Amino acid sequence: MAVWALGINHQTAPLDVRGRFAFTLEQIPPALRRLRASLARQPEAALLSTCNRTELYCASDEPLIEPTAHWLADTAGVPPDVLLRHAYVLREDEAARHAFRVASGLDSMVLGEAQILGQLKDAVRAADQAGALGTTLHQLFQRSFAVAKQVRTSTDIGAHSISMAAAAVRLASQLFEDLRTIRILFIGAGEMIELAATHFAARQPRHMAIANRTLERGERLAARFGAEVMRLADVPERLHEFDAVVSCTASTLPLIGLGMVERALRQRRHRPIFMVDLAVPRDIEAEVKGLDDVYLYTVDDLAAVVQAGKDSRQAAVAQAEAIIDAGVQSFMHWLRQRDPHAGVVGLIRDLQVQADAWRAAEVARARRRLARGDDIEAVLDGLARGLTQKMLHGALAELHSGDDDSRRQTAELVARLFLRGRAPHAGGADAPPAARP
């Protein structure tokens, strides 16, 4: 069974590229059904999409990396080469290791953050809902959850970590002398906005408002913080009232444009506005950042802030990596047990790769000799001799090492492999093989 992961994240792709590949949780089940319907062999599949990453995990009898990459690129409406410039492809144990690191918060922009584990669990439920979660991926993710739990309970990986929301409060504190004097608008009512509102509410701002497309959901969140609730459609007319704006919605297009902010600044007589866009794709047009009286930060801009304290947690990272290593070994052992031929297939592939490398090296050397004008017969003889020596080197080295019993066993194996079943000479491994009768 082949297992692979294909994805982009905050380390490999800029915000605007990640935005092209963003999926809402509701979009994931139908997307996975379309993926599987587009392939002759329907792989197990799960899709994780957050502000920092979009990753496709798959399992099948054979790796279908190219067609899954083309499907993901087509879904985003970009050429495959654009995706592959920013993507990583991980196979087998490396795919498992990546899943475990993601679940444990080691691959996050905020080292040790806990939110990603919930997002991964949501993605797994969505894959199950789509009928795309088979036995192999089920095992992979259940083991990733178990590893993440062990990492959190056994290490200090989450100690002193700074969330995006906390980083936004820090930056706002650098701009405003006292956060108790500001009016702040939150756009959206999802988990990220709830977290941001919680952090800002602790600073007791003068006024808080929540704008959401669905009033009922906005009202529930506003009630928690004693905040005003407003319709999303009212934001253009009221934007000038707020000193700070934090936005995170699932909109595929920006909600706050350059012209809207310019009008708000004129009404504010150019008093500064602090803006945080936590959405992927963007909620606030990128051009807004160029305005003199606007301080706009995206998820990527917050990276330096959230890395604070990372060095002090390196010991915890090492402990976490050791837990993950053990988890990867356990998963791969389980995978090999399910497919007794997997080890043989891998060995055959490795032998073919090694043989190709030897052939390429000897052919390149032969071409250099021909270019120097060496005799063709001598070059051909050298090519054949070089390949033969490379192929026999490992076997001959084993025949000259170890005790008598191991050498005798090696001799029998070498005879089966290279002499087509003829027994080695009775004198032992060091003696020449028997002559052909």
Protein backbone atom coordinates (compact mmCIF):
# COMPACT_ATOMS: atom_id res chain seq x y z
CA MET A 1 0.00 0.00 0.00
CA ALA A 2 1.45 3.35 -1.05
CA VAL A 3 0.93 6.34 1.25
CA TRP A 4 1.75 9.89 0.21
CA ALA A 5 1.12 13.53 1.11
CA LEU A 6 1.03 16.43 -1.33
CA GLY A 7 0.78 19.96 -0.01
CA ILE A 8 1.82 23.57 0.37
CA ASN A 9 2.27 25.51 3.59
CA HIS A 10 3.49 28.79 5.07
CA GLN A 11 7.09 27.66 4.59
CA THR A 12 6.80 26.85 0.88
CA ALA A 13 4.15 29.20 -0.53
CA PRO A 14 3.25 32.87 -0.01
CA LEU A 15 -0.17 33.91 1.28
CA ASP A 16 -1.70 34.68 -2.12
CA VAL A 17 -0.68 31.26 -3.49
CA ARG A 18 -2.09 29.50 -0.43
CA GLY A 19 -5.30 31.42 -0.93
CA ARG A 20 -5.80 29.81 -4.33
CA PHE A 21 -5.82 26.37 -2.73
CA ALA A 22 -8.00 27.13 0.31
CA PHE A 23 -11.06 24.96 1.04
CA THR A 24 -13.75 25.56 3.62
CA LEU A 25 -14.71 22.58 5.76
CA GLU A 26 -18.02 22.33 3.87
CA GLN A 27 -16.21 22.18 0.53
CA ILE A 28 -13.96 19.25 1.50
CA PRO A 29 -16.38 16.25 1.23
CA PRO A 30 -17.60 17.11 -2.31
CA ALA A 31 -14.02 17.93 -3.34
CA LEU A 32 -12.81 14.51 -2.18
CA ARG A 33 -15.67 12.80 -4.00
CA ARG A 34 -14.68 14.64 -7.19
CA LEU A 35 -11.04 13.62 -6.72
CA ARG A 36 -11.86 9.95 -6.35
CA ALA A 37 -14.34 10.00 -9.24
CA SER A 38 -11.67 11.52 -11.51
CA LEU A 39 -9.26 8.61 -11.00
CA ALA A 40 -9.57 5.07 -12.33
CA ARG A 41 -8.21 3.73 -9.04
CA GLN A 42 -10.01 5.53 -6.26
CA PRO A 43 -7.47 6.24 -3.50
CA GLU A 44 -8.19 6.78 0.14
CA ALA A 45 -7.98 10.55 0.58
CA ALA A 46 -8.19 13.30 3.19
CA LEU A 47 -7.84 17.04 2.67
CA LEU A 48 -6.55 19.46 5.33
CA SER A 49 -6.97 23.18 4.63
CA THR A 50 -6.08 25.94 7.10
CA CYS A 51 -4.73 29.47 6.83
CA ASN A 52 -1.21 28.02 6.87
CA ARG A 53 -1.54 24.89 4.72
CA THR A 54 -3.47 22.83 2.22
CA GLU A 55 -2.47 19.16 2.25
CA LEU A 56 -3.83 16.10 0.50
CA TYR A 57 -3.13 12.74 2.16
CA CYS A 58 -3.71 9.61 0.06
CA ALA A 59 -3.28 5.84 0.17
CA SER A 60 -3.61 3.42 -2.73
CA ASP A 61 -2.17 0.22 -4.17
CA GLU A 62 0.19 2.40 -6.18
CA PRO A 63 1.23 6.05 -5.84
CA LEU A 64 -1.00 8.33 -7.93
CA ILE A 65 1.00 11.46 -7.25
CA GLU A 66 0.90 13.03 -10.70
CA PRO A 67 -2.88 12.71 -11.21
CA THR A 68 -3.64 13.95 -7.69
CA ALA A 69 -1.33 16.94 -8.24
CA HIS A 70 -3.08 17.73 -11.53
CA TRP A 71 -6.48 17.44 -9.83
CA LEU A 72 -5.47 19.84 -7.04
CA ALA A 73 -4.05 22.32 -9.55
CA ASP A 74 -7.16 22.12 -11.75
CA THR A 75 -9.41 22.61 -8.72
CA ALA A 76 -7.52 25.79 -7.84
CA GLY A 77 -7.54 26.95 -11.46
CA VAL A 78 -3.75 27.12 -11.78
CA PRO A 79 -1.27 25.27 -14.03
CA PRO A 80 0.26 22.17 -12.39
CA ASP A 81 3.75 23.67 -12.60
CA VAL A 82 2.63 26.61 -10.40
CA LEU A 83 1.51 24.17 -7.72
CA LEU A 84 4.62 21.99 -8.01
CA ARG A 85 6.93 25.01 -7.65
CA HIS A 86 5.60 25.47 -4.12
CA ALA A 87 4.53 21.93 -3.21
CA TYR A 88 6.15 19.13 -1.29
CA VAL A 89 5.53 15.45 -1.98
CA LEU A 90 6.20 13.02 0.86
CA ARG A 91 5.96 9.23 0.66
CA GLU A 92 5.59 6.34 3.07
CA ASP A 93 7.42 7.01 6.36
CA GLU A 94 8.05 10.67 5.50
CA ALA A 95 4.33 11.19 4.85
CA ALA A 96 3.55 9.59 8.22
CA ARG A 97 6.20 11.69 9.95
CA HIS A 98 4.76 14.84 8.43
CA ALA A 99 1.21 13.97 9.56
CA PHE A 100 2.46 13.31 13.11
CA ARG A 101 4.45 16.59 13.18
CA VAL A 102 1.46 18.56 11.90
CA ALA A 103 -0.86 17.04 14.52
CA SER A 104 1.69 17.75 17.26
CA GLY A 105 2.11 21.42 16.29
CA LEU A 106 5.74 21.03 15.23
CA ASP A 107 5.08 22.13 11.65
CA SER A 108 2.94 25.14 12.59
CA MET A 109 3.85 28.80 12.32
CA VAL A 110 3.08 28.92 16.05
CA LEU A 111 5.28 26.15 17.45
CA GLY A 112 3.24 23.84 19.65
CA GLU A 113 -0.13 25.46 18.88
CA ALA A 114 -3.10 23.26 19.72
CA GLN A 115 -5.62 24.53 17.17
CA ILE A 116 -4.18 22.46 14.31
CA LEU A 117 -5.09 19.20 16.06
CA GLY A 118 -8.77 20.16 16.06
CA GLN A 119 -8.53 21.23 12.42
CA LEU A 120 -6.96 17.89 11.51
CA LYS A 121 -9.72 16.01 13.32
CA ASP A 122 -12.31 18.06 11.41
CA ALA A 123 -10.57 17.15 8.14
CA VAL A 124 -10.62 13.45 9.02
CA ARG A 125 -14.35 13.62 9.83
CA ALA A 126 -14.94 15.35 6.49
CA ALA A 127 -13.02 12.59 4.68
CA ASP A 128 -15.07 9.97 6.50
CA GLN A 129 -18.26 11.82 5.54
CA ALA A 130 -17.13 11.72 1.89
CA GLY A 131 -16.53 7.97 2.09
CA ALA A 132 -12.85 8.54 1.30
CA LEU A 133 -11.30 7.41 4.58
CA GLY A 134 -10.13 3.81 4.32
CA THR A 135 -8.30 1.55 6.76
CA THR A 136 -4.81 2.88 6.01
CA LEU A 137 -5.58 6.59 6.45
CA HIS A 138 -7.79 5.83 9.43
CA GLN A 139 -4.79 4.18 11.10
CA LEU A 140 -2.47 7.00 10.06
CA PHE A 141 -4.64 9.69 11.58
CA GLN A 142 -5.67 7.83 14.72
CA ARG A 143 -1.98 7.24 15.38
CA SER A 144 -1.25 10.91 14.67
CA PHE A 145 -3.83 11.93 17.28
CA ALA A 146 -2.30 9.53 19.81
CA VAL A 147 1.21 10.83 19.10
CA ALA A 148 0.01 14.45 19.42
CA LYS A 149 -1.56 13.66 22.78
CA GLN A 150 1.65 12.03 24.01
CA VAL A 151 3.71 15.01 22.80
CA ARG A 152 1.46 17.44 24.69
CA THR A 153 1.39 15.45 27.91
CA SER A 154 5.06 14.41 27.91
CA THR A 155 6.81 17.60 26.74
CA ASP A 156 6.62 21.36 27.20
CA ILE A 157 6.15 21.96 23.47
CA GLY A 158 3.16 24.25 24.06
CA ALA A 159 4.71 26.19 26.93
CA HIS A 160 4.91 29.94 26.34
CA SER A 161 3.68 29.63 22.76
CA ILE A 162 2.12 32.78 21.34
CA SER A 163 -1.04 32.42 19.27
CA MET A 164 -1.94 34.55 16.27
CA ALA A 165 -4.58 36.26 18.40
CA ALA A 166 -2.09 37.04 21.17
CA ALA A 167 0.38 38.33 18.59
CA ALA A 168 -2.30 40.68 17.21
CA VAL A 169 -2.87 42.09 20.72
CA ARG A 170 0.89 42.63 21.12
CA LEU A 171 1.09 44.57 17.87
CA ALA A 172 -1.97 46.65 18.73
CA SER A 173 -0.35 47.51 22.08
CA GLN A 174 2.66 48.88 20.21
CA LEU A 175 0.44 51.21 18.18
CA PHE A 176 -2.07 52.32 20.82
CA GLU A 177 -0.87 53.60 24.18
CA ASP A 178 -3.89 52.13 26.00
CA LEU A 179 -6.13 49.46 24.45
CA ARG A 180 -8.91 50.50 26.83
CA THR A 181 -9.45 53.59 24.66
CA ILE A 182 -9.97 51.85 21.32
CA ARG A 183 -13.02 50.72 19.42
CA ILE A 184 -12.47 47.36 17.72
CA LEU A 185 -14.41 45.58 14.99
CA PHE A 186 -14.27 41.83 14.44
CA ILE A 187 -15.40 40.56 11.05
CA GLY A 188 -16.53 36.94 11.09
CA ALA A 189 -17.71 34.68 13.91
CA GLY A 190 -15.58 31.55 13.54
CA GLU A 191 -13.05 29.96 15.85
CA MET A 192 -10.20 32.35 15.00
CA ILE A 193 -12.34 35.44 15.60
CA GLU A 194 -13.62 33.97 18.86
CA LEU A 195 -10.03 33.46 19.99
CA ALA A 196 -9.02 36.98 18.92
CA ALA A 197 -12.04 38.53 20.65
CA THR A 198 -11.17 36.64 23.84
CA HIS A 199 -7.64 38.08 23.86
CA PHE A 200 -8.74 41.63 23.10
CA ALA A 201 -11.63 41.49 25.58
CA ALA A 202 -9.09 40.76 28.33
CA ARG A 203 -7.64 44.24 27.65
CA GLN A 204 -11.10 45.81 28.17
CA PRO A 205 -11.34 47.93 25.01
CA ARG A 206 -13.77 50.83 24.98
CA HIS A 207 -16.13 49.18 22.49
CA MET A 208 -16.29 45.85 20.62
CA ALA A 209 -18.46 45.01 17.62
CA ILE A 210 -18.88 41.82 15.63
CA ALA A 211 -19.98 41.85 12.00
CA ASN A 212 -21.02 38.60 10.40
CA ARG A 213 -22.90 37.49 7.34
CA THR A 214 -25.28 35.48 9.55
CA LEU A 215 -26.64 37.70 12.31
CA GLU A 216 -27.69 34.83 14.57
CA ARG A 217 -24.15 33.45 14.81
CA GLY A 218 -22.75 36.92 15.33
CA GLU A 219 -25.24 37.55 18.12
CA ARG A 220 -24.19 34.40 19.98
CA LEU A 221 -20.56 35.45 19.94
CA ALA A 222 -21.31 39.09 20.75
CA ALA A 223 -23.33 38.03 23.78
CA ARG A 224 -20.24 36.40 25.28
CA PHE A 225 -18.28 39.65 25.27
CA GLY A 226 -21.02 42.24 25.67
CA ALA A 227 -20.25 43.38 22.15
CA GLU A 228 -22.41 45.08 19.54
CA VAL A 229 -23.53 42.94 16.60
CA MET A 230 -23.86 44.37 13.10
CA ARG A 231 -24.51 43.15 9.59
CA LEU A 232 -21.62 42.61 7.24
CA ALA A 233 -23.35 44.91 4.76
CA ASP A 234 -23.04 47.78 7.27
CA VAL A 235 -19.24 47.64 7.45
CA PRO A 236 -18.54 50.07 4.55
CA GLU A 237 -20.60 52.83 6.19
CA ARG A 238 -19.28 52.27 9.69
CA LEU A 239 -15.65 51.32 9.17
CA HIS A 240 -14.47 54.83 10.12
CA GLU A 241 -15.83 54.34 13.66
CA PHE A 242 -13.22 51.72 14.55
CA ASP A 243 -9.58 52.07 15.53
CA ALA A 244 -8.84 48.37 15.03
CA VAL A 245 -10.23 45.71 12.70
CA VAL A 246 -9.63 41.97 12.91
CA SER A 247 -11.07 39.91 10.08
CA CYS A 248 -11.25 36.18 9.39
CA THR A 249 -14.03 34.84 7.17
CA ALA A 250 -14.36 32.11 4.57
CA SER A 251 -15.04 34.59 1.77
CA THR A 252 -13.32 33.79 -1.51
CA LEU A 253 -13.05 37.52 -2.35
CA PRO A 254 -11.82 40.48 -0.26
CA LEU A 255 -14.53 42.12 1.87
CA ILE A 256 -12.62 45.33 2.54
CA GLY A 257 -11.24 47.13 -0.49
CA LEU A 258 -8.82 50.00 -0.98
CA GLY A 259 -11.55 52.53 -1.72
CA MET A 260 -13.54 51.59 1.38
CA VAL A 261 -10.52 52.13 3.63
CA GLU A 262 -9.59 55.41 1.92
CA ARG A 263 -13.09 56.77 2.60
CA ALA A 264 -12.88 55.65 6.22
CA LEU A 265 -9.52 57.39 6.68
CA ARG A 266 -10.89 60.66 5.31
CA GLN A 267 -13.79 60.48 7.77
CA ARG A 268 -11.32 59.76 10.58
CA ARG A 269 -9.18 62.71 9.49
CA HIS A 270 -6.38 60.22 8.98
CA ARG A 271 -6.25 58.88 12.49
CA PRO A 272 -4.53 55.47 12.10
CA ILE A 273 -6.36 52.17 11.76
CA PHE A 274 -4.84 48.91 12.97
CA MET A 275 -5.94 45.98 10.79
CA VAL A 276 -5.30 42.25 11.09
CA ASP A 277 -6.32 39.94 8.24
CA LEU A 278 -6.25 36.34 9.47
CA ALA A 279 -8.12 34.97 6.45
CA VAL A 280 -6.79 32.83 3.61
CA PRO A 281 -7.73 33.93 0.95
CA ARG A 282 -7.46 37.57 2.04
CA ASP A 283 -10.41 39.48 3.51
CA ILE A 284 -8.61 42.83 3.06
CA GLU A 285 -7.12 43.85 -0.28
CA ALA A 286 -3.31 43.75 -0.27
CA GLU A 287 -3.14 47.33 -1.62
CA VAL A 288 -4.56 48.63 1.67
CA LYS A 289 -1.16 48.03 3.25
CA GLY A 290 0.29 50.83 1.14
CA LEU A 291 -1.87 53.53 2.80
CA ASP A 292 0.08 55.80 5.14
CA ASP A 293 -2.34 55.66 8.06
CA VAL A 294 -3.06 51.92 7.97
CA TYR A 295 -1.12 49.25 9.85
CA LEU A 296 -2.17 46.02 8.14
CA TYR A 297 -0.86 42.62 9.21
CA THR A 298 -1.56 39.24 7.59
CA VAL A 299 -0.95 35.76 8.99
CA ASP A 300 2.49 35.77 7.35
CA ASP A 301 3.34 39.17 8.87
CA LEU A 302 2.67 37.78 12.34
CA ALA A 303 5.29 35.03 11.90
CA ALA A 304 8.14 36.91 13.59
CA VAL A 305 5.99 37.72 16.61
CA VAL A 306 4.72 34.19 17.17
CA GLN A 307 8.26 32.76 16.96
CA ALA A 308 9.14 34.48 20.26
CA GLY A 309 10.31 31.94 22.79
CA LYS A 310 10.90 29.25 20.17
CA ASP A 311 14.56 28.80 21.07
CA SER A 312 13.69 28.09 24.70
CA ARG A 313 11.51 25.18 23.57
CA GLN A 314 14.13 23.36 21.51
CA ALA A 315 14.61 20.69 24.19
CA ALA A 316 10.88 19.99 24.05
CA VAL A 317 11.10 19.79 20.25
CA ALA A 318 13.81 17.13 20.51
CA GLN A 319 11.65 15.12 22.92
CA ALA A 320 8.66 15.48 20.61
CA GLU A 321 10.66 14.34 17.58
CA ALA A 322 11.71 11.20 19.46
CA ILE A 323 8.05 10.41 20.23
CA ILE A 324 7.19 10.99 16.59
CA ASP A 325 10.03 8.71 15.41
CA ALA A 326 8.63 5.88 17.52
CA GLY A 327 5.15 6.54 16.14
CA VAL A 328 6.41 6.45 12.55
CA GLN A 329 8.21 3.15 13.11
CA SER A 330 5.08 1.65 14.66
CA PHE A 331 2.88 2.80 11.76
CA MET A 332 5.30 1.51 9.12
CA HIS A 333 5.50 -1.84 10.92
CA TRP A 334 1.70 -2.02 10.85
CA LEU A 335 1.69 -1.10 7.15
CA ARG A 336 4.25 -3.79 6.28
CA GLN A 337 2.30 -6.41 8.22
CA ARG A 338 -0.75 -5.66 6.10
CA ASP A 339 1.26 -6.09 2.90
CA PRO A 340 3.88 -8.85 3.23
CA HIS A 341 5.18 -8.05 -0.26
CA ALA A 342 5.77 -4.36 0.49
CA GLY A 343 9.34 -4.98 1.68
CA VAL A 344 10.15 -7.04 -1.41
CA VAL A 345 8.67 -4.41 -3.71
CA GLY A 346 10.72 -1.73 -1.99
CA LEU A 347 13.88 -3.81 -2.26
CA ILE A 348 13.29 -4.40 -5.97
CA ARG A 349 12.79 -0.66 -6.49
CA ASP A 350 15.98 0.15 -4.55
CA LEU A 351 17.97 -2.43 -6.54
CA GLN A 352 16.73 -0.94 -9.81
CA VAL A 353 17.66 2.57 -8.67
CA GLN A 354 21.13 1.41 -7.62
CA ALA A 355 21.67 -0.47 -10.90
CA ASP A 356 20.61 2.62 -12.87
CA ALA A 357 23.07 4.75 -10.89
CA TRP A 358 25.92 2.31 -11.59
CA ARG A 359 25.04 2.18 -15.29
CA ALA A 360 24.87 5.97 -15.55
CA ALA A 361 28.24 6.39 -13.82
CA GLU A 362 30.01 3.87 -16.07
CA VAL A 363 28.42 5.21 -19.26
CA ALA A 364 29.48 8.74 -18.30
CA ARG A 365 33.05 7.54 -17.70
CA ALA A 366 33.05 5.70 -21.04
CA ARG A 367 31.88 8.83 -22.86
CA ARG A 368 34.68 10.87 -21.26
CA ARG A 369 37.22 8.33 -22.45
CA LEU A 370 35.79 8.33 -25.97
CA ALA A 371 35.90 12.13 -25.99
CA ARG A 372 39.61 11.90 -25.13
CA GLY A 373 40.10 9.61 -28.13
CA ASP A 374 40.67 6.30 -26.25
CA ASP A 375 40.41 3.06 -28.20
CA ILE A 376 36.77 1.94 -28.54
CA GLU A 377 37.53 -1.69 -27.65
CA ALA A 378 39.37 -0.58 -24.50
CA VAL A 379 36.49 1.70 -23.54
CA LEU A 380 33.92 -1.07 -23.99
CA ASP A 381 36.06 -3.47 -21.98
CA GLY A 382 36.39 -0.87 -19.21
CA LEU A 383 32.64 -0.25 -19.23
CA ALA A 384 31.87 -3.95 -18.83
CA ARG A 385 34.59 -4.42 -16.20
CA GLY A 386 33.38 -1.41 -14.20
CA LEU A 387 29.79 -2.61 -14.12
CA THR A 388 30.88 -6.14 -13.18
CA GLN A 389 33.06 -4.91 -10.32
CA LYS A 390 30.29 -2.73 -8.95
CA MET A 391 27.79 -5.58 -9.06
CA LEU A 392 30.13 -8.08 -7.40
CA HIS A 393 31.74 -5.77 -4.83
CA GLY A 394 29.12 -6.24 -2.09
CA ALA A 395 28.99 -10.04 -2.49
CA LEU A 396 32.79 -10.40 -2.47
CA ALA A 397 33.10 -8.17 0.60
CA GLU A 398 30.58 -10.31 2.48
CA LEU A 399 32.41 -13.51 1.48
CA HIS A 400 35.60 -12.18 3.11
CA SER A 401 33.97 -11.08 6.39
CA GLY A 402 32.29 -12.74 9.36
CA ASP A 403 32.81 -16.15 10.98
CA ASP A 404 32.85 -19.52 9.20
CA ASP A 405 29.09 -20.12 9.58
CA SER A 406 28.06 -16.73 8.22
CA ARG A 407 30.54 -17.01 5.35
CA ARG A 408 29.19 -20.47 4.48
CA GLN A 409 25.62 -19.12 4.43
CA THR A 410 26.73 -16.15 2.35
CA ALA A 411 28.51 -18.46 -0.08
CA GLU A 412 25.36 -20.51 -0.60
CA LEU A 413 23.31 -17.36 -1.18
CA VAL A 414 25.87 -15.89 -3.60
CA ALA A 415 25.98 -19.17 -5.51
CA ARG A 416 22.20 -19.14 -5.89
CA LEU A 417 22.23 -15.52 -7.05
CA PHE A 418 25.24 -15.49 -9.36
CA LEU A 419 25.91 -19.12 -10.31
CA ARG A 420 22.29 -20.06 -10.97
CA GLY A 421 22.08 -22.65 -8.19
CA ARG A 422 25.52 -24.29 -8.37
CA ALA A 423 26.86 -25.02 -4.88
CA PRO A 424 30.01 -23.22 -3.67
CA HIS A 425 33.27 -25.16 -3.51
CA ALA A 426 33.45 -27.56 -0.61
CA GLY A 427 36.59 -25.86 0.60
CA GLY A 428 34.56 -22.93 1.96
CA ALA A 429 33.72 -19.39 1.03
CA ASP A 430 37.30 -18.47 0.23
CA ALA A 431 37.71 -21.33 -2.24
CA PRO A 432 36.72 -20.84 -5.90
CA PRO A 433 33.36 -22.25 -6.98
CA ALA A 434 33.22 -25.69 -8.52
CA ALA A 435 33.84 -25.90 -12.23
CA ARG A 436 30.90 -26.45 -14.55
CA PRO A 437 30.58 -30.18 -15.25
